[in-house]
Amino acid sequence: MPLSAEAFGRKINQLLDELWPYALDYYHPLIDGRVKTRDDLAEWFSKFYIKDVGVILARTYAKCPHLDARGFIAENLWEEEGKGEAGRSHAELSMRLPRYFGVSDADLEAFHQKWLASPQSQGREELVQKETWIEEFAGFGLGSEHYAPAFFTLILERLRGEFEIPEEALEFFLVHLYEDVDHARRTMEIVLRYATTDEEQESVLAAIRRHILGEAGLMGGDRTPMPLAPEIVDALRSAAGR
């Protein structure tokens, strides 16, 4: 028998809380001590190009049959593409940090194309193509956007304080501090509205795990991320107001 929306929401939140140590592992080096020096930081950002979120949103929109959910996905995609303002798409905002460290747009695009051709990326693409709209929707909105404001708060503290990176270069992180809080909340509302059978509820929980633990995460891979240290997880939960 399927859970009520209220009970299913509690179950999702319990899972999300359990997975804090593994969430957004792509960004872990910026907060777990692996990036120590300015040279380390320059090397990490030399490959920082968050280009494919619009593809995820467009694919989810195309799969989704529900007008209210499609309206929200379209709004999220509009924000992702900079609301029509030149140079303001989130992909272009992410390019500001590599440019700040002297990486050319051509080198950044070449790295991205190499990544897309990799077995990890190809495996992820094959997996998400098979997901239902609500699986990919929940995997991204709850598996990524739910955690992003807390992670980006800690990252911004380091980049501003320790490394003195100018605000203009940090705008990719800044725009997500507030937008993603709203996105995660609205994603949860829609998931609870449409995941109403045992099968749908179980598939949503499985999708969240896939998107956090690697197989379907934004950076792909078939591995389980190494967990963050408890004190870092505590700092993230504090930044998220939990």
Protein backbone atom coordinates (compact mmCIF):
# COMPACT_ATOMS: atom_id res chain seq x y z
CA MET A 1 0.00 0.00 0.00
CA PRO A 2 1.47 3.39 -0.97
CA LEU A 3 2.38 5.91 1.69
CA SER A 4 0.38 9.08 2.14
CA ALA A 5 2.00 12.23 0.77
CA GLU A 6 2.92 13.30 4.29
CA ALA A 7 4.50 9.94 5.17
CA PHE A 8 6.30 9.71 1.85
CA GLY A 9 7.68 13.21 2.34
CA ARG A 10 9.10 12.14 5.70
CA LYS A 11 10.70 9.09 4.09
CA ILE A 12 12.31 11.20 1.37
CA ASN A 13 13.64 13.68 3.93
CA GLN A 14 15.04 10.85 6.03
CA LEU A 15 16.89 9.52 2.97
CA LEU A 16 18.18 12.98 2.03
CA ASP A 17 19.45 13.48 5.57
CA GLU A 18 21.25 10.12 5.55
CA LEU A 19 22.97 10.97 2.25
CA TRP A 20 24.47 14.34 3.27
CA PRO A 21 28.00 12.84 3.54
CA TYR A 22 27.86 11.66 -0.09
CA ALA A 23 25.95 14.49 -1.77
CA LEU A 24 27.46 16.58 -4.58
CA ASP A 25 30.77 14.74 -4.33
CA TYR A 26 32.06 16.62 -7.37
CA TYR A 27 32.46 19.64 -5.06
CA HIS A 28 33.97 17.76 -2.11
CA PRO A 29 37.61 18.76 -2.88
CA LEU A 30 36.69 22.41 -2.33
CA ILE A 31 35.59 21.78 1.25
CA ASP A 32 37.33 18.61 2.44
CA GLY A 33 40.93 19.80 2.38
CA ARG A 34 42.09 18.35 -0.94
CA VAL A 35 42.25 21.82 -2.49
CA LYS A 36 44.84 23.47 -0.27
CA THR A 37 46.67 26.10 -2.31
CA ARG A 38 45.84 28.65 -4.98
CA ASP A 39 47.55 26.38 -7.52
CA ASP A 40 45.27 23.52 -6.41
CA LEU A 41 42.29 25.83 -6.84
CA ALA A 42 43.37 26.91 -10.31
CA GLU A 43 43.80 23.27 -11.33
CA TRP A 44 40.37 22.30 -9.99
CA PHE A 45 38.60 25.17 -11.75
CA SER A 46 40.46 24.55 -15.00
CA LYS A 47 37.83 21.90 -15.76
CA PHE A 48 34.81 23.61 -14.19
CA TYR A 49 32.10 23.85 -16.83
CA ILE A 50 28.52 23.14 -15.74
CA LYS A 51 27.01 23.01 -19.21
CA ASP A 52 24.49 20.17 -19.27
CA VAL A 53 21.88 21.07 -16.63
CA GLY A 54 19.74 22.61 -19.37
CA VAL A 55 19.84 19.27 -21.20
CA ILE A 56 18.61 17.47 -18.07
CA LEU A 57 15.75 19.92 -17.63
CA ALA A 58 14.78 19.85 -21.31
CA ARG A 59 14.73 16.06 -21.35
CA THR A 60 12.63 15.92 -18.17
CA TYR A 61 10.22 18.47 -19.63
CA ALA A 62 9.85 16.40 -22.80
CA LYS A 63 9.04 13.26 -20.80
CA CYS A 64 6.62 14.91 -18.35
CA PRO A 65 2.85 14.66 -19.06
CA HIS A 66 1.64 17.02 -16.28
CA LEU A 67 1.08 20.68 -17.11
CA ASP A 68 1.86 22.04 -13.65
CA ALA A 69 5.11 20.10 -13.40
CA ARG A 70 6.04 21.09 -16.96
CA GLY A 71 5.43 24.73 -16.07
CA PHE A 72 7.87 24.52 -13.18
CA ILE A 73 10.48 22.64 -15.23
CA ALA A 74 10.18 25.27 -17.97
CA GLU A 75 10.66 28.03 -15.40
CA ASN A 76 13.75 26.27 -14.03
CA LEU A 77 15.12 25.89 -17.57
CA TRP A 78 14.48 29.58 -18.27
CA GLU A 79 16.51 30.48 -15.19
CA GLU A 80 19.23 28.01 -16.20
CA GLU A 81 19.51 29.76 -19.56
CA GLY A 82 19.86 33.18 -17.95
CA LYS A 83 16.26 34.36 -18.53
CA GLY A 84 17.23 35.44 -22.02
CA GLU A 85 20.07 37.74 -20.92
CA ALA A 86 23.29 37.42 -22.91
CA GLY A 87 26.15 35.99 -20.90
CA ARG A 88 23.87 35.07 -17.97
CA SER A 89 23.17 31.39 -18.56
CA HIS A 90 24.42 29.27 -15.70
CA ALA A 91 26.84 27.53 -18.06
CA GLU A 92 28.33 30.93 -18.96
CA LEU A 93 28.45 31.96 -15.30
CA SER A 94 30.37 28.77 -14.51
CA MET A 95 32.95 29.72 -17.16
CA ARG A 96 33.91 32.88 -15.25
CA LEU A 97 36.04 30.95 -12.77
CA PRO A 98 38.12 29.06 -15.35
CA ARG A 99 38.57 32.33 -17.24
CA TYR A 100 39.68 34.03 -14.02
CA PHE A 101 42.44 31.41 -13.74
CA GLY A 102 43.47 31.88 -17.37
CA VAL A 103 41.74 28.92 -19.02
CA SER A 104 40.58 29.58 -22.57
CA ASP A 105 37.02 28.85 -23.66
CA ALA A 106 38.41 26.52 -26.33
CA ASP A 107 40.33 24.44 -23.77
CA LEU A 108 37.29 24.29 -21.53
CA GLU A 109 35.06 23.10 -24.36
CA ALA A 110 37.67 20.54 -25.45
CA PHE A 111 37.74 19.10 -21.94
CA HIS A 112 33.95 18.98 -21.88
CA GLN A 113 33.78 17.12 -25.18
CA LYS A 114 36.38 14.65 -23.89
CA TRP A 115 34.23 14.11 -20.81
CA LEU A 116 31.10 13.53 -22.90
CA ALA A 117 32.93 10.81 -24.83
CA SER A 118 34.15 9.08 -21.68
CA PRO A 119 32.72 5.72 -20.53
CA GLN A 120 31.48 7.36 -17.32
CA SER A 121 29.50 10.00 -19.19
CA GLN A 122 28.20 7.52 -21.76
CA GLY A 123 27.09 5.17 -18.98
CA ARG A 124 25.28 7.96 -17.20
CA GLU A 125 23.53 9.03 -20.39
CA GLU A 126 22.36 5.50 -21.10
CA LEU A 127 20.99 5.23 -17.58
CA VAL A 128 19.09 8.51 -17.45
CA GLN A 129 17.57 7.98 -20.90
CA LYS A 130 15.74 5.02 -19.38
CA GLU A 131 14.46 6.93 -16.36
CA THR A 132 10.88 8.14 -16.15
CA TRP A 133 10.24 11.85 -15.93
CA ILE A 134 9.66 11.72 -12.17
CA GLU A 135 12.82 9.70 -11.55
CA GLU A 136 15.08 12.17 -13.36
CA PHE A 137 13.10 15.10 -11.94
CA ALA A 138 13.48 13.90 -8.34
CA GLY A 139 17.07 12.78 -8.91
CA PHE A 140 18.10 16.27 -10.00
CA GLY A 141 15.84 18.47 -7.87
CA LEU A 142 16.27 16.49 -4.65
CA GLY A 143 19.56 14.73 -5.36
CA SER A 144 21.39 17.93 -6.40
CA GLU A 145 19.45 21.17 -5.93
CA HIS A 146 18.38 20.23 -2.40
CA TYR A 147 22.02 20.24 -1.26
CA ALA A 148 23.52 22.98 -3.43
CA PRO A 149 22.82 26.07 -1.25
CA ALA A 150 24.61 24.57 1.77
CA PHE A 151 27.58 23.38 -0.27
CA PHE A 152 27.86 26.67 -2.10
CA THR A 153 27.68 28.63 1.16
CA LEU A 154 30.78 26.82 2.45
CA ILE A 155 32.54 27.07 -0.90
CA LEU A 156 31.88 30.81 -1.10
CA GLU A 157 33.27 31.34 2.39
CA ARG A 158 36.59 29.78 1.27
CA LEU A 159 36.76 31.44 -2.12
CA ARG A 160 35.99 34.89 -0.73
CA GLY A 161 38.03 34.67 2.45
CA GLU A 162 41.02 32.40 1.98
CA PHE A 163 41.52 32.94 -1.77
CA GLU A 164 40.03 36.46 -2.22
CA ILE A 165 38.27 35.59 -5.48
CA PRO A 166 36.31 38.62 -6.81
CA GLU A 167 32.52 38.57 -6.59
CA GLU A 168 32.02 38.73 -10.35
CA ALA A 169 33.80 35.39 -10.77
CA LEU A 170 31.64 33.79 -8.06
CA GLU A 171 28.22 34.51 -9.52
CA PHE A 172 27.56 30.89 -10.52
CA PHE A 173 27.56 29.96 -6.85
CA LEU A 174 25.69 33.08 -5.75
CA VAL A 175 22.65 32.58 -7.99
CA HIS A 176 22.08 29.09 -6.61
CA LEU A 177 21.98 30.13 -2.96
CA TYR A 178 18.35 31.20 -3.24
CA GLU A 179 17.05 29.74 -6.50
CA ASP A 180 17.82 26.16 -5.49
CA VAL A 181 16.06 26.46 -2.14
CA ASP A 182 12.88 27.27 -4.04
CA HIS A 183 13.55 24.62 -6.68
CA ALA A 184 14.03 21.85 -4.12
CA ARG A 185 10.86 22.84 -2.25
CA ARG A 186 8.76 22.87 -5.39
CA THR A 187 10.31 19.64 -6.63
CA MET A 188 9.27 17.95 -3.40
CA GLU A 189 5.71 19.26 -3.74
CA ILE A 190 5.41 17.90 -7.28
CA VAL A 191 6.99 14.55 -6.41
CA LEU A 192 4.53 14.08 -3.55
CA ARG A 193 1.65 15.01 -5.86
CA TYR A 194 2.46 12.47 -8.56
CA ALA A 195 4.35 9.60 -6.88
CA THR A 196 1.21 7.93 -5.55
CA THR A 197 1.75 4.20 -6.10
CA ASP A 198 4.13 1.81 -4.37
CA GLU A 199 6.12 1.42 -7.57
CA GLU A 200 6.40 5.17 -8.18
CA GLN A 201 7.44 5.90 -4.61
CA GLU A 202 10.09 3.20 -4.61
CA SER A 203 11.38 4.37 -7.98
CA VAL A 204 11.73 7.94 -6.69
CA LEU A 205 13.76 6.79 -3.68
CA ALA A 206 15.96 4.63 -5.91
CA ALA A 207 16.49 7.53 -8.33
CA ILE A 208 17.59 9.86 -5.53
CA ARG A 209 20.14 7.26 -4.42
CA ARG A 210 21.40 6.82 -8.01
CA HIS A 211 21.81 10.54 -8.55
CA ILE A 212 23.65 11.06 -5.25
CA LEU A 213 25.77 7.93 -5.17
CA GLY A 214 27.20 8.28 -8.62
CA GLU A 215 25.64 6.15 -11.31
CA ALA A 216 23.30 8.92 -12.49
CA GLY A 217 24.98 11.92 -10.87
CA LEU A 218 25.92 14.96 -12.92
CA MET A 219 29.52 13.78 -13.24
CA GLY A 220 28.58 10.15 -13.84
CA GLY A 221 30.63 7.18 -12.73
CA ASP A 222 29.93 3.77 -11.30
CA ARG A 223 31.37 4.36 -7.86
CA THR A 224 30.14 5.25 -4.40
CA PRO A 225 31.54 8.62 -3.30
CA MET A 226 33.78 8.75 -0.26
CA PRO A 227 31.84 10.30 2.63
CA LEU A 228 32.70 13.71 4.01
CA ALA A 229 34.02 13.92 7.56
CA PRO A 230 31.34 14.35 10.26
CA GLU A 231 32.45 17.89 11.11
CA ILE A 232 32.03 18.97 7.48
CA VAL A 233 28.60 17.34 7.32
CA ASP A 234 27.66 19.21 10.49
CA ALA A 235 28.77 22.48 8.88
CA LEU A 236 26.70 21.72 5.80
CA ARG A 237 23.61 20.92 7.87
CA SER A 238 24.14 24.15 9.81
CA ALA A 239 24.42 26.13 6.55
CA ALA A 240 21.17 24.50 5.40
CA GLY A 241 19.44 25.46 8.65
CA ARG A 242 19.02 21.84 9.78
